[in-house]
Structure formats: C-alpha cells, structure tokens
Amino acid sequence: MRWLEGCRKGDRRAQQQLFKHFYSPMFRVCMRYAGSTDEAEDMLNEGFLKVFSNLDKYENTGSFESWMKRVMVNAALDHRRKYDPKVATTDLAEVADTVEVGYDVNAAIGRLSSEAIIALIQQLPPTTRTVFNLFVFDGCSHAEIAQRLGMSEGTSAWHVNAARTRLKNEIAKMNNE
C-alpha cells in the first residue's frame, strides 16, 4: 500500500489518505460494537490512533485491512471496558417471555438494509452486543470470547443465544407491523 510507508514516517498527508480510504469499512466495524453513532465515532478515532501508533507491528504479511480491522475491534473492546466496565446481564424472565418466531427469519433479514440490521444490533445490551459481534462477525470461539471478556464460555454462549432470540423477535415485530 502506497500510503503505508508515509504513515510509518509520520507523513500527515499519507495518514489522511489512509484515514479517508478506510473510514467507511472501519466505521461499519465500530457501528456493530457501538450503542450510537457518536460512540462509534469515538471507537473509530481511538482505533485509528492505535493503527497509526502501531504500524511498525504490521509486518506486511496478510491483508492490511484485516490487520486494521483487528485493531479496530480491539479498540472497540477497550472502549467498552473503559466506559461500561461492568458486565451487563439480562433477567432470565425477559428471555423466557420471548416469542418463538414461526416464519423464515432469513427471508425477513434479506429484506432489511444493512443500516436497519446494525440499528437492531445496537439495541442489544452492551455485553450481549459485544459477544454477538465477536462470535458472528469476527469468528471468535466462545473460549476466545470468554478469555477476552473475562467470562465463562457458557456465559458467552448464553449472550449469543439471547442476542439471536431478541433479534428474531424484533424482526418479527417489524414484519408484523
């Protein structure tokens, strides 16, 4: 990548070009973890600061965008820990009262825009949203999530199931209106 060497040398123009080029895909990553656009912007800015200060750790092997995405996810997790340090839980009664969806959820999801899907994910409680993103979008195992977030593997699995149930119910409500 032509901007990489300039960024490593502290060239502000190269940094600006890299920022502009990767702003949208990295903002989408942050939006999945954030509860609002403002929070996603904070995560994105923190992530880009980490990218620029850690460019020497990128060894030009593999995709730079994949490396950068990993840095953004870690910045989002750091942000969550900093501003929401307690692990949020959901009352089991809330989960027990969920309605089982009796139609093709995948077809319903296919009719939603990516913005609508992100908005639904943002409605999840912060810890559930974080676990769901790590598992579904970033491909982490429950063991990896448990280690990163300081919870048991069972708790990680519970959060993924709670997220799926809640998202199915919200999609069902949207399609019945």
Protein backbone atom coordinates (compact mmCIF):
# COMPACT_ATOMS: atom_id res chain seq x y z
CA MET A 1 0.00 0.00 0.00
CA ARG A 2 1.48 3.31 -1.11
CA TRP A 3 0.44 5.27 2.00
CA LEU A 4 1.86 2.83 4.49
CA GLU A 5 5.49 3.95 4.31
CA GLY A 6 4.44 7.59 4.52
CA CYS A 7 2.32 6.83 7.58
CA ARG A 8 5.21 5.00 9.21
CA LYS A 9 7.32 8.14 8.71
CA GLY A 10 4.62 10.33 10.28
CA ASP A 11 3.54 11.97 7.00
CA ARG A 12 0.21 13.67 7.80
CA ARG A 13 -0.93 13.63 4.16
CA ALA A 14 -0.40 9.86 3.94
CA GLN A 15 -2.24 9.42 7.25
CA GLN A 16 -5.13 11.49 5.94
CA GLN A 17 -5.31 9.41 2.76
CA LEU A 18 -5.25 6.16 4.73
CA PHE A 19 -7.96 7.51 7.04
CA LYS A 20 -10.19 8.53 4.10
CA HIS A 21 -9.66 5.22 2.32
CA PHE A 22 -10.54 3.05 5.32
CA TYR A 23 -13.02 5.32 7.09
CA SER A 24 -16.21 3.63 5.83
CA PRO A 25 -15.31 -0.04 6.34
CA MET A 26 -13.78 0.64 9.77
CA PHE A 27 -16.75 2.81 10.78
CA ARG A 28 -19.06 -0.13 9.97
CA VAL A 29 -16.97 -2.35 12.26
CA CYS A 30 -17.27 0.20 15.06
CA MET A 31 -21.03 0.66 14.49
CA ARG A 32 -21.56 -3.03 15.22
CA TYR A 33 -19.99 -2.62 18.66
CA ALA A 34 -21.34 0.83 19.50
CA GLY A 35 -24.66 1.83 21.00
CA SER A 36 -24.81 5.04 18.94
CA THR A 37 -23.16 6.85 16.05
CA ASP A 38 -21.31 9.11 18.49
CA GLU A 39 -19.90 6.12 20.35
CA ALA A 40 -18.86 4.52 17.03
CA GLU A 41 -17.03 7.74 16.09
CA ASP A 42 -15.17 7.64 19.42
CA MET A 43 -14.24 3.99 18.84
CA LEU A 44 -13.12 4.78 15.30
CA ASN A 45 -10.91 7.67 16.40
CA GLU A 46 -9.35 5.57 19.16
CA GLY A 47 -8.83 2.77 16.64
CA PHE A 48 -7.11 4.99 14.09
CA LEU A 49 -4.82 6.37 16.80
CA LYS A 50 -3.85 2.78 17.62
CA VAL A 51 -3.36 1.95 13.94
CA PHE A 52 -1.03 4.91 13.41
CA SER A 53 0.93 4.30 16.60
CA ASN A 54 1.31 0.56 15.92
CA LEU A 55 2.08 0.50 12.19
CA ASP A 56 5.54 -0.87 13.00
CA LYS A 57 3.79 -4.04 14.25
CA TYR A 58 2.22 -4.70 10.84
CA GLU A 59 4.75 -6.93 9.08
CA ASN A 60 3.40 -6.60 5.52
CA THR A 61 2.14 -10.17 5.65
CA GLY A 62 -1.51 -10.83 5.03
CA SER A 63 -4.12 -8.21 4.35
CA PHE A 64 -3.50 -4.78 5.84
CA GLU A 65 -7.26 -4.26 6.03
CA SER A 66 -7.65 -7.45 8.08
CA TRP A 67 -4.92 -6.30 10.45
CA MET A 68 -6.57 -2.91 10.72
CA LYS A 69 -9.96 -4.49 11.39
CA ARG A 70 -8.45 -6.49 14.25
CA VAL A 71 -7.00 -3.26 15.69
CA MET A 72 -10.46 -1.59 15.39
CA VAL A 73 -12.20 -4.49 17.12
CA ASN A 74 -9.67 -4.34 19.94
CA ALA A 75 -10.16 -0.55 20.18
CA ALA A 76 -13.93 -1.09 20.36
CA LEU A 77 -13.49 -3.68 23.13
CA ASP A 78 -11.14 -1.35 25.01
CA HIS A 79 -13.72 1.41 24.68
CA ARG A 80 -16.45 -0.87 26.04
CA ARG A 81 -14.27 -1.83 29.02
CA LYS A 82 -13.38 1.80 29.70
CA TYR A 83 -16.90 3.24 29.55
CA ASP A 84 -19.00 0.24 30.51
CA PRO A 85 -16.75 -1.79 32.82
CA LYS A 86 -19.44 -3.92 34.41
CA VAL A 87 -20.77 -6.96 32.61
CA ALA A 88 -24.44 -6.42 31.92
CA THR A 89 -26.82 -9.32 32.28
CA THR A 90 -30.38 -9.84 31.21
CA ASP A 91 -33.12 -11.06 33.50
CA LEU A 92 -33.94 -14.68 32.69
CA ALA A 93 -37.64 -13.83 32.89
CA GLU A 94 -37.15 -11.49 29.94
CA VAL A 95 -35.70 -14.33 27.87
CA ALA A 96 -38.43 -16.75 28.98
CA ASP A 97 -41.12 -14.36 27.72
CA THR A 98 -39.74 -14.23 24.18
CA VAL A 99 -41.99 -15.36 21.37
CA GLU A 100 -40.81 -18.15 19.12
CA VAL A 101 -40.71 -16.92 15.56
CA GLY A 102 -42.71 -19.09 13.18
CA TYR A 103 -41.59 -17.86 9.77
CA ASP A 104 -38.47 -17.70 7.63
CA VAL A 105 -36.28 -15.24 9.52
CA ASN A 106 -33.56 -15.40 6.85
CA ALA A 107 -36.02 -14.15 4.22
CA ALA A 108 -37.07 -11.32 6.53
CA ILE A 109 -33.43 -10.38 7.16
CA GLY A 110 -32.82 -10.34 3.41
CA ARG A 111 -35.38 -7.57 3.09
CA LEU A 112 -33.62 -5.35 5.64
CA SER A 113 -30.95 -2.81 4.77
CA SER A 114 -27.55 -3.09 6.40
CA GLU A 115 -28.36 0.10 8.33
CA ALA A 116 -31.53 -1.49 9.73
CA ILE A 117 -29.61 -4.60 10.78
CA ILE A 118 -26.95 -2.50 12.51
CA ALA A 119 -29.69 -0.49 14.24
CA LEU A 120 -31.19 -3.73 15.57
CA ILE A 121 -27.81 -4.92 16.80
CA GLN A 122 -27.23 -1.58 18.50
CA GLN A 123 -30.40 -2.12 20.56
CA LEU A 124 -28.86 -5.16 22.24
CA PRO A 125 -27.45 -4.68 25.75
CA PRO A 126 -23.75 -3.72 25.51
CA THR A 127 -22.24 -7.03 26.65
CA THR A 128 -24.65 -9.09 24.56
CA ARG A 129 -23.89 -6.89 21.53
CA THR A 130 -20.15 -7.28 22.05
CA VAL A 131 -20.29 -11.07 22.44
CA PHE A 132 -22.63 -11.40 19.44
CA ASN A 133 -20.29 -9.33 17.23
CA LEU A 134 -17.20 -11.24 18.29
CA PHE A 135 -18.92 -14.58 17.64
CA VAL A 136 -20.91 -13.86 14.47
CA PHE A 137 -18.89 -11.22 12.61
CA ASP A 138 -15.36 -11.71 13.88
CA GLY A 139 -15.42 -15.51 14.09
CA CYS A 140 -14.20 -15.83 17.67
CA SER A 141 -14.94 -19.04 19.54
CA HIS A 142 -16.70 -19.00 22.90
CA ALA A 143 -13.36 -19.88 24.51
CA GLU A 144 -11.69 -16.85 22.88
CA ILE A 145 -14.57 -14.56 23.86
CA ALA A 146 -14.53 -15.86 27.41
CA GLN A 147 -10.81 -15.15 27.68
CA ARG A 148 -11.04 -11.67 26.12
CA LEU A 149 -14.02 -10.53 28.17
CA GLY A 150 -13.38 -12.37 31.43
CA MET A 151 -16.47 -14.58 31.42
CA SER A 152 -17.19 -18.28 31.15
CA GLU A 153 -17.74 -19.99 27.82
CA GLY A 154 -21.30 -20.77 28.92
CA THR A 155 -21.97 -17.08 29.55
CA SER A 156 -20.61 -16.28 26.11
CA ALA A 157 -22.94 -18.87 24.52
CA TRP A 158 -25.86 -17.51 26.56
CA HIS A 159 -25.24 -13.97 25.25
CA VAL A 160 -25.15 -15.21 21.63
CA ASN A 161 -28.43 -17.09 22.11
CA ALA A 162 -30.03 -14.13 23.88
CA ALA A 163 -28.96 -11.85 21.00
CA ARG A 164 -30.33 -14.21 18.36
CA THR A 165 -33.63 -14.57 20.20
CA ARG A 166 -34.01 -10.85 20.69
CA LEU A 167 -33.09 -10.07 17.08
CA LYS A 168 -35.57 -12.67 15.78
CA ASN A 169 -38.31 -11.15 17.91
CA GLU A 170 -37.51 -7.62 16.76
CA ILE A 171 -37.51 -8.72 13.10
CA ALA A 172 -40.83 -10.48 13.66
CA LYS A 173 -42.30 -7.27 15.14
CA MET A 174 -41.04 -5.25 12.16
CA ASN A 175 -42.62 -7.67 9.68
CA ASN A 176 -45.97 -7.82 11.50
CA GLU A 177 -46.43 -4.05 11.54
